[in-house]
Protein backbone atom coordinates (compact mmCIF):
# COMPACT_ATOMS: atom_id res chain seq x y z
CA MET A 1 -7.25 -14.25 13.80
CA THR A 2 -8.34 -15.71 17.10
CA THR A 3 -6.33 -15.79 20.26
CA GLN A 4 -6.59 -18.68 22.70
CA PRO A 5 -7.78 -17.68 26.17
CA GLN A 6 -4.98 -17.98 28.67
CA ILE A 7 -5.41 -19.50 32.10
CA LYS A 8 -3.83 -17.26 34.72
CA ASN A 9 -2.45 -19.84 37.16
CA ASN A 10 1.23 -20.58 37.63
CA ALA A 11 1.06 -24.02 36.03
CA SER A 12 0.08 -22.56 32.67
CA GLY A 13 2.94 -20.08 32.44
CA ASN A 14 4.77 -22.31 29.97
CA ASN A 15 1.66 -22.72 27.81
CA ALA A 16 1.18 -18.95 27.63
CA SER A 17 4.73 -18.43 26.40
CA ALA A 18 4.25 -21.21 23.81
CA ASN A 19 1.07 -19.49 22.56
CA ASN A 20 2.96 -16.19 22.31
CA ALA A 21 5.67 -17.80 20.19
CA ASN A 22 3.13 -19.43 17.86
CA ASN A 23 1.08 -16.25 17.36
CA SER A 24 4.15 -14.07 16.84
CA ALA A 25 5.01 -15.94 13.66
CA SER A 26 1.95 -14.45 11.96
CA GLY A 27 2.12 -10.97 13.46
CA LYS A 28 3.20 -8.84 16.37
CA GLN A 29 1.66 -9.82 19.70
CA THR A 30 1.76 -7.70 22.82
CA VAL A 31 0.75 -9.19 26.15
CA THR A 32 -0.21 -6.82 28.95
CA SER A 33 -1.91 -7.30 32.30
CA ARG A 34 -5.17 -6.21 30.61
CA GLY A 35 -5.06 -8.57 27.62
CA THR A 36 -3.34 -9.50 24.38
CA THR A 37 -3.04 -7.45 21.17
CA THR A 38 -2.03 -9.13 17.92
CA VAL A 39 -1.13 -7.16 14.78
CA ALA A 40 -1.21 -9.29 11.62
CA ASP A 41 1.51 -9.04 8.98
CA GLY A 42 -1.08 -7.87 6.45
CA VAL A 43 -1.90 -4.87 8.63
CA VAL A 44 1.75 -3.85 8.71
CA ALA A 45 1.93 -4.23 4.91
CA LYS A 46 -1.23 -2.16 4.47
CA VAL A 47 0.13 0.67 6.65
CA ALA A 48 3.34 0.67 4.59
CA GLY A 49 1.38 0.64 1.31
CA ILE A 50 -0.80 3.57 2.32
CA ALA A 51 2.26 5.55 3.38
CA ALA A 52 4.02 4.87 0.08
CA GLN A 53 1.00 5.82 -2.06
CA ASP A 54 0.76 9.22 -0.37
CA ILE A 55 4.17 10.32 -1.69
CA PRO A 56 4.16 12.72 -4.67
CA GLY A 57 5.68 11.00 -7.69
CA VAL A 58 4.47 7.50 -6.81
CA PHE A 59 2.19 6.40 -9.64
CA ALA A 60 1.52 2.81 -8.55
CA LEU A 61 2.80 0.02 -6.33
CA GLY A 62 3.86 -3.36 -7.63
CA GLY A 63 5.42 -4.78 -10.77
CA GLY A 64 3.69 -5.37 -14.09
CA ALA A 65 1.82 -8.56 -13.16
CA ALA A 66 0.72 -7.21 -9.78
CA ARG A 67 -0.57 -4.00 -11.38
CA ALA A 68 -2.48 -5.98 -14.02
CA LEU A 69 -4.13 -8.05 -11.31
CA GLY A 70 -4.73 -4.87 -9.31
CA SER A 71 -6.55 -3.24 -12.22
CA ILE A 72 -8.86 -6.25 -12.39
CA ARG A 73 -9.53 -5.94 -8.65
CA GLU A 74 -10.29 -2.23 -9.01
CA ALA A 75 -12.72 -2.98 -11.85
CA VAL A 76 -14.81 -5.06 -9.46
CA GLY A 77 -14.62 -2.44 -6.72
CA GLN A 78 -11.75 -3.74 -4.58
CA LYS A 79 -8.38 -2.13 -4.08
CA ASP A 80 -5.38 -4.01 -2.68
CA LEU A 81 -3.44 -1.59 -0.50
CA THR A 82 -0.72 -4.19 0.06
CA GLN A 83 0.06 -4.60 -3.65
CA GLY A 84 3.80 -4.33 -4.19
CA VAL A 85 4.55 -4.43 -0.45
CA SER A 86 6.23 -7.33 1.33
CA VAL A 87 6.96 -7.35 5.07
CA GLU A 88 8.97 -9.57 7.37
CA VAL A 89 7.70 -9.14 10.91
CA GLY A 90 9.67 -10.22 13.96
CA LEU A 91 8.83 -9.84 17.62
CA THR A 92 9.71 -6.14 17.80
CA GLN A 93 11.11 -5.30 14.36
CA VAL A 94 9.92 -5.25 10.77
CA ALA A 95 11.64 -5.13 7.38
CA VAL A 96 9.74 -3.83 4.36
CA ASP A 97 10.27 -4.35 0.63
CA VAL A 98 8.26 -2.11 -1.69
CA THR A 99 8.07 -2.13 -5.49
CA LEU A 100 6.81 0.99 -7.22
CA VAL A 101 6.31 2.90 -10.44
CA VAL A 102 7.39 6.54 -10.43
CA GLU A 103 5.80 9.33 -12.45
CA TYR A 104 8.03 11.13 -14.93
CA PRO A 105 9.82 13.63 -14.36
CA HIS A 106 10.09 13.10 -10.57
CA PRO A 107 13.68 12.36 -9.47
CA LEU A 108 13.79 8.63 -8.75
CA GLN A 109 16.18 8.79 -5.79
CA LYS A 110 14.19 11.56 -4.09
CA VAL A 111 10.94 9.61 -4.49
CA ALA A 112 12.60 6.46 -3.13
CA ASP A 113 13.98 8.37 -0.13
CA ALA A 114 10.59 9.97 0.55
CA VAL A 115 8.84 6.57 0.35
CA ARG A 116 11.43 5.08 2.71
CA ASP A 117 10.98 7.93 5.23
CA ALA A 118 7.18 7.73 5.05
CA ILE A 119 7.16 3.97 5.66
CA TYR A 120 9.56 4.27 8.59
CA ALA A 121 7.38 6.95 10.19
CA ALA A 122 4.03 5.24 9.51
CA VAL A 123 5.01 1.78 10.73
CA GLU A 124 6.76 3.09 13.83
CA ASP A 125 3.92 5.50 14.70
CA VAL A 126 0.85 3.43 13.77
CA VAL A 127 2.04 -0.12 14.46
CA GLY A 128 4.58 0.66 17.15
CA MET A 129 7.34 -1.54 15.76
CA GLU A 130 10.93 -0.65 14.96
CA VAL A 131 11.68 -0.66 11.22
CA THR A 132 15.07 -2.18 10.49
CA GLU A 133 15.11 -1.52 6.73
CA VAL A 134 12.96 -0.42 3.81
CA ASN A 135 14.11 -1.68 0.42
CA VAL A 136 12.65 0.24 -2.52
CA SER A 137 12.61 -1.23 -6.04
CA ILE A 138 11.59 1.04 -8.91
CA THR A 139 10.45 -1.21 -11.73
CA ASP A 140 8.98 1.31 -14.17
CA ILE A 141 8.45 4.97 -14.88
CA HIS A 142 5.05 6.31 -15.90
CA ILE A 143 4.94 8.90 -18.65
CA PRO A 144 1.60 10.74 -18.39
CA SER A 145 1.12 11.08 -22.16
CA GLU A 146 1.00 7.27 -22.53
CA ASP A 147 -2.29 6.93 -20.63
CA ASP A 148 -3.70 10.40 -21.18
CA GLU A 149 -3.94 10.25 -25.00
CA LYS A 150 -7.32 8.53 -25.08
CA PRO A 151 -9.05 10.90 -22.64
CA ALA A 152 -7.54 13.84 -24.49
CA ALA A 153 -8.90 12.48 -27.78
CA ASN A 154 -12.32 12.09 -26.17
CA LYS A 155 -12.21 15.67 -24.97
CA ARG A 156 -11.42 16.86 -28.47
CA THR A 157 -14.37 15.02 -29.95
CA ASP A 158 -16.57 16.51 -27.24
CA VAL A 159 -15.36 19.99 -28.19
CA VAL A 160 -15.99 19.23 -31.87
CA ALA A 161 -19.45 17.90 -31.02
CA ASP A 162 -20.23 21.08 -29.03
CA ASP A 163 -19.06 23.23 -31.95
CA GLN A 164 -21.28 21.26 -34.34
CA VAL A 165 -24.28 21.76 -32.04
CA ASN A 166 -23.56 25.50 -31.88
CA GLN A 167 -23.26 25.70 -35.66
CA ARG A 168 -26.59 23.88 -36.09
CA GLU A 169 -28.27 26.22 -33.62
CA ALA A 170 -26.87 29.20 -35.51
CA ARG A 171 -28.29 27.87 -38.79
CA VAL A 172 -31.73 27.20 -37.28
CA SER A 173 -32.11 30.65 -35.78
């Protein structure tokens, strides 16, 4: 995002405030005597996403379609840290909506509360904006045995293969 240079004479005071209003629609802009800082909405969403993923019990962010698209992104080496996170950024405040999948048997309400607290703290500390609300939607629960069956089966065949190698070595010697 580029910021227009501002002329510092009195006649351009109205133009500077018009530029501030236009840039604020796409992120938080702070004007100081030393320059202008603009924080894009995507940055706020990324901070919230990172905070949510760090909570024990959070398996993934996003609904089914977003997670499917996310798995394709990860296959090509990209990870979307804003997946499942939506933000509405005002001049000084932000509202966050997050969709997540919780690991079984973590208590859903405790995970939601922990995610909410982490997002409040991260956005207020890192971005410097007041968080007005964090809405958490739990769309699924992940049961570890669903995804872990295939690796477990592979481990068993590896153990069987190792046993067969040991038996062959015993016969040869």
